[in-house]
Structure formats: C-alpha cells, structure tokens
Amino acid sequence: MATEVNAERWDKILDAALQVFATRGYERSSVNDIAEAAGLKKPSLYHYVQSKEDLLEAIIVRSHKRLTAFLDRIPPEDSAIEMVRAIIYTHVLFNINYGTEASVFQSDFRMLSPERQAPIRESLSEYDRSLQALIEEAQRRKEIGAEVDAKLAVLWLMGSANHLVRWYRPKPGSNPEAVAAQFADLSASALLGMGFEKDRNAAPSPLKDRDRTARSA
C-alpha cells in the first residue's frame, strides 16, 4: 500500500481518514466518507487500500512509530528517575501535539483484528517493560523507595499520560511544553515521595535542586 504510492499522497489519505475517524468514530465512518475527505472517488481509494481497517492500522502504526522516534531521541541521564521524567515529558508532549491521532489510537485500537493488534501490543509491552526496568533501577540506586510496585507505577504513569487526550483542550496562549513539564514533574515527585518514610537510607531526591518553574499552561 504505502510503499506503492507517493508518500505525500499516502499521508494525506491517512490524515483524511484520521479526521473522519476522530469526528464520526471508526464504526460510524464509511469508505465513502474517507474518500470524500481525501478528495477521491470511492473506487480510487480502493486503489490504495482494501478496507477502512487497513487505514486504521496504518494510522495507528504511523502514530506509534512517531512516538517511538521521539522517545529514541531522548538524551541519556545520569539519574534513573530523571530518565523516567524525560520519558513522561516526551510522551505527554506527543499526546498534546498529536492529540487527534493519540485519541484515535486509544479509542479505536480495539477495532483492529487480533492479528493486526499483536505486533503493536508487543511493542507497547516492550515499552512498558523498559519503563519498569528504569523504575527498578531507581530503586536499586535508592532514588525512590523500595516499597514502590514498579509494575503498578508503570500502569499509573501510562494511564495518566494517555488519559490526557480525553480532557486536555489547548487554550489561546497555552504552552504544551509547560504542561508536559508539570505533568512529568508531578509524576516524578509522586514516585520520589513513595516509601521514603520506611526507607530511611533513600538517597536525596535527584530533583531536589532542579529549577522546575514552568510558565502557566
């Protein structure tokens, strides 16, 4: 499909399908709706795809690859908890800047067949495992308390970051970077504060001297 057509044209088709899915919902959207939004006749759209599920899968894969590319560009940090913070910052900023595709990903991923879901689920699980490993590393370094359940922490962090697309609506003058920074700081601070009353040997917070003053969102 996408490899056989002009990349720019293919992106425009995906963008059109994305807007239709976001506006009407995947189940209520038709191939006709998408063709019209893309400026194509229905038979012409079938030149690119065989079904609207092909388009949904392509949108989700594109979104996931885009997020992964941003995450891969995060520079290394000496502190494990700072790496967690940087990941949450990047993830939240992505969800703000690409809110429509993030929302469609979250709401309509379940509409893909199990076979189409499988490789994406595995990639998402790998992402979760890498974040869990960072939290466990922070515990070994005594940056956060030993009582923190690393797996549960990942579920909370990802759930919070992804739920943002359901309620965040930018206002005139909004600063996405400031929102992401505050979100990341709140996440890191919550982890840093957990278990410290019992863990008397915990190291000082690596965020203690950080200037985290952000402009209002």
Protein backbone atom coordinates (compact mmCIF):
# COMPACT_ATOMS: atom_id res chain seq x y z
CA MET A 1 0.00 0.00 0.00
CA ALA A 2 2.02 2.95 1.29
CA THR A 3 5.20 1.61 -0.29
CA GLU A 4 3.50 1.51 -3.67
CA VAL A 5 2.18 5.08 -3.67
CA ASN A 6 3.56 8.54 -3.33
CA ALA A 7 4.44 9.04 0.35
CA GLU A 8 3.00 12.55 0.48
CA ARG A 9 -0.27 11.40 -1.09
CA TRP A 10 -0.46 8.46 1.29
CA ASP A 11 -0.01 10.75 4.31
CA LYS A 12 -2.81 12.97 3.05
CA ILE A 13 -5.11 9.97 2.75
CA LEU A 14 -4.21 8.87 6.29
CA ASP A 15 -4.76 12.40 7.59
CA ALA A 16 -8.18 12.49 5.95
CA ALA A 17 -9.12 9.11 7.41
CA LEU A 18 -7.84 10.23 10.81
CA GLN A 19 -10.12 13.27 10.81
CA VAL A 20 -13.11 11.18 9.75
CA PHE A 21 -12.47 8.60 12.48
CA ALA A 22 -11.95 11.34 15.08
CA THR A 23 -15.15 13.14 14.09
CA ARG A 24 -17.53 10.27 13.35
CA GLY A 25 -15.95 7.36 15.18
CA TYR A 26 -14.46 4.36 13.42
CA GLU A 27 -17.61 2.24 13.45
CA ARG A 28 -19.79 5.04 12.02
CA SER A 29 -17.29 6.00 9.33
CA SER A 30 -17.60 4.67 5.81
CA VAL A 31 -15.15 4.30 2.96
CA ASN A 32 -17.27 6.89 1.15
CA ASP A 33 -16.74 9.37 3.99
CA ILE A 34 -12.99 8.85 3.86
CA ALA A 35 -12.80 9.05 0.07
CA GLU A 36 -14.73 12.33 0.09
CA ALA A 37 -12.50 13.78 2.82
CA ALA A 38 -9.41 12.75 0.84
CA GLY A 39 -10.75 14.26 -2.39
CA LEU A 40 -11.04 10.87 -4.06
CA LYS A 41 -13.74 8.76 -5.62
CA LYS A 42 -14.54 5.56 -3.73
CA PRO A 43 -13.04 3.29 -6.43
CA SER A 44 -9.87 5.41 -6.39
CA LEU A 45 -9.47 4.90 -2.64
CA TYR A 46 -9.60 1.14 -3.17
CA HIS A 47 -6.51 1.56 -5.30
CA TYR A 48 -4.65 2.32 -2.06
CA VAL A 49 -6.41 0.08 0.48
CA GLN A 50 -8.78 -2.84 0.64
CA SER A 51 -10.74 -1.73 3.69
CA LYS A 52 -11.07 1.03 6.26
CA GLU A 53 -9.34 -1.31 8.72
CA ASP A 54 -6.24 -1.00 6.54
CA LEU A 55 -6.41 2.75 7.10
CA LEU A 56 -6.94 2.45 10.84
CA GLU A 57 -3.97 0.09 11.14
CA ALA A 58 -1.79 2.43 9.10
CA ILE A 59 -2.79 5.42 11.26
CA ILE A 60 -2.01 3.53 14.47
CA VAL A 61 1.30 2.18 13.19
CA ARG A 62 2.32 5.65 11.99
CA SER A 63 1.43 7.16 15.36
CA HIS A 64 3.33 4.51 17.29
CA LYS A 65 6.41 4.87 15.09
CA ARG A 66 6.31 8.63 15.51
CA LEU A 67 6.15 8.38 19.31
CA THR A 68 8.93 5.78 19.32
CA ALA A 69 11.14 8.06 17.23
CA PHE A 70 10.67 10.89 19.75
CA LEU A 71 11.45 8.57 22.66
CA ASP A 72 14.58 7.27 20.93
CA ARG A 73 15.93 10.82 20.72
CA ILE A 74 15.85 11.38 24.49
CA PRO A 75 19.43 12.00 25.65
CA PRO A 76 20.70 9.74 28.47
CA GLU A 77 20.50 10.97 32.06
CA ASP A 78 22.75 10.01 34.99
CA SER A 79 19.70 9.55 37.21
CA ALA A 80 17.19 6.78 36.53
CA ILE A 81 14.30 8.84 37.89
CA GLU A 82 15.33 11.70 35.60
CA MET A 83 15.09 9.30 32.65
CA VAL A 84 11.60 8.33 33.79
CA ARG A 85 10.73 12.02 33.97
CA ALA A 86 12.12 12.64 30.47
CA ILE A 87 10.08 9.75 29.07
CA ILE A 88 6.86 11.01 30.65
CA TYR A 89 7.58 14.53 29.43
CA THR A 90 8.10 13.26 25.86
CA HIS A 91 5.04 11.00 25.96
CA VAL A 92 2.75 13.74 27.28
CA LEU A 93 4.09 16.32 24.83
CA PHE A 94 3.44 13.88 22.00
CA ASN A 95 -0.13 13.34 23.19
CA ILE A 96 -0.66 17.10 23.26
CA ASN A 97 0.89 17.84 19.88
CA TYR A 98 -0.62 14.79 18.17
CA GLY A 99 -3.79 14.63 20.21
CA THR A 100 -6.10 13.56 17.41
CA GLU A 101 -4.10 10.52 16.38
CA ALA A 102 -3.36 9.62 20.00
CA SER A 103 -7.09 9.76 20.74
CA VAL A 104 -7.99 7.59 17.74
CA PHE A 105 -5.24 5.15 18.70
CA GLN A 106 -6.65 4.78 22.21
CA SER A 107 -10.32 4.66 21.28
CA ASP A 108 -10.20 2.52 18.14
CA PHE A 109 -7.21 0.21 18.57
CA ARG A 110 -9.61 -2.47 19.79
CA MET A 111 -11.33 -2.38 16.39
CA LEU A 112 -8.32 -3.98 14.73
CA SER A 113 -8.31 -7.74 14.35
CA PRO A 114 -6.26 -9.69 16.92
CA GLU A 115 -3.70 -10.46 14.21
CA ARG A 116 -3.20 -6.77 13.48
CA GLN A 117 -3.12 -5.86 17.16
CA ALA A 118 -0.48 -8.44 18.11
CA PRO A 119 2.74 -6.76 16.90
CA ILE A 120 1.64 -3.37 18.24
CA ARG A 121 0.73 -4.87 21.61
CA GLU A 122 4.15 -6.50 21.81
CA SER A 123 5.87 -3.20 21.08
CA LEU A 124 3.77 -1.44 23.73
CA SER A 125 4.61 -4.18 26.22
CA GLU A 126 8.30 -3.73 25.47
CA TYR A 127 7.92 0.00 26.15
CA ASP A 128 6.24 -0.75 29.49
CA ARG A 129 8.96 -3.23 30.43
CA SER A 130 11.72 -0.72 29.69
CA LEU A 131 9.98 1.90 31.84
CA GLN A 132 9.53 -0.65 34.63
CA ALA A 133 13.24 -1.51 34.42
CA LEU A 134 14.10 2.18 34.87
CA ILE A 135 11.92 2.43 37.97
CA GLU A 136 13.56 -0.70 39.38
CA GLU A 137 16.97 0.81 38.63
CA ALA A 138 15.92 3.95 40.51
CA GLN A 139 15.06 1.72 43.45
CA ARG A 140 18.44 -0.02 43.34
CA ARG A 141 20.08 3.42 43.40
CA LYS A 142 17.79 4.41 46.29
CA GLU A 143 16.42 7.31 44.30
CA ILE A 144 12.91 6.12 45.14
CA GLY A 145 11.55 3.95 47.91
CA ALA A 146 11.82 0.17 47.78
CA GLU A 147 8.08 -0.21 48.54
CA VAL A 148 7.06 1.18 45.16
CA ASP A 149 5.48 -1.51 42.99
CA ALA A 150 7.29 -0.84 39.71
CA LYS A 151 4.73 -2.58 37.51
CA LEU A 152 1.84 -0.76 39.15
CA ALA A 153 3.75 2.52 38.82
CA VAL A 154 4.09 1.98 35.06
CA LEU A 155 0.36 1.29 34.71
CA TRP A 156 -0.38 4.52 36.62
CA LEU A 157 2.14 6.61 34.67
CA MET A 158 0.99 5.40 31.26
CA GLY A 159 -2.67 5.55 32.21
CA SER A 160 -2.34 9.15 33.36
CA ALA A 161 -0.30 10.24 30.35
CA ASN A 162 -2.68 8.62 27.87
CA HIS A 163 -5.87 9.75 29.59
CA LEU A 164 -4.75 13.33 28.99
CA VAL A 165 -6.09 13.20 25.42
CA ARG A 166 -9.60 12.77 26.79
CA TRP A 167 -9.66 16.01 28.79
CA TYR A 168 -6.89 18.34 27.62
CA ARG A 169 -8.04 21.10 25.30
CA PRO A 170 -5.48 23.80 24.46
CA LYS A 171 -6.48 27.39 25.06
CA PRO A 172 -5.12 30.54 23.39
CA GLY A 173 -1.65 31.10 24.78
CA SER A 174 -1.31 27.52 26.04
CA ASN A 175 2.21 26.22 26.38
CA PRO A 176 2.39 22.46 25.59
CA GLU A 177 5.97 22.22 26.88
CA ALA A 178 4.96 23.72 30.22
CA VAL A 179 2.02 21.32 30.55
CA ALA A 180 4.26 18.35 29.75
CA ALA A 181 6.94 19.57 32.18
CA GLN A 182 4.44 19.96 35.02
CA PHE A 183 2.94 16.56 34.27
CA ALA A 184 6.39 14.95 34.25
CA ASP A 185 7.39 16.73 37.47
CA LEU A 186 4.23 15.61 39.23
CA SER A 187 4.84 12.03 38.11
CA ALA A 188 8.48 12.02 39.21
CA SER A 189 7.67 13.74 42.50
CA ALA A 190 4.98 11.17 43.30
CA LEU A 191 7.47 8.33 42.76
CA LEU A 192 10.12 10.12 44.80
CA GLY A 193 7.75 10.57 47.73
CA MET A 194 6.59 6.96 47.92
CA GLY A 195 8.12 4.67 50.50
CA PHE A 196 10.56 7.21 51.95
CA GLU A 197 9.09 7.11 55.46
CA LYS A 198 10.06 3.44 55.71
CA ASP A 199 13.20 3.62 53.59
CA ARG A 200 15.48 5.69 55.80
CA ASN A 201 18.51 5.01 53.61
CA ALA A 202 16.98 6.52 50.50
CA ALA A 203 19.28 8.89 48.64
CA PRO A 204 18.37 12.59 48.37
CA SER A 205 15.97 13.40 45.57
CA PRO A 206 17.79 13.97 42.27
CA LEU A 207 15.13 16.60 41.54
CA LYS A 208 15.74 18.49 44.77
CA ASP A 209 17.79 21.30 43.28
CA ARG A 210 16.09 21.30 39.92
CA ASP A 211 14.59 24.54 38.71
CA ARG A 212 11.14 23.29 37.77
CA THR A 213 9.41 26.63 37.45
CA ALA A 214 7.20 26.40 34.38
CA ARG A 215 5.10 29.03 32.73
CA SER A 216 1.37 28.70 33.18
CA ALA A 217 -0.28 26.45 30.65
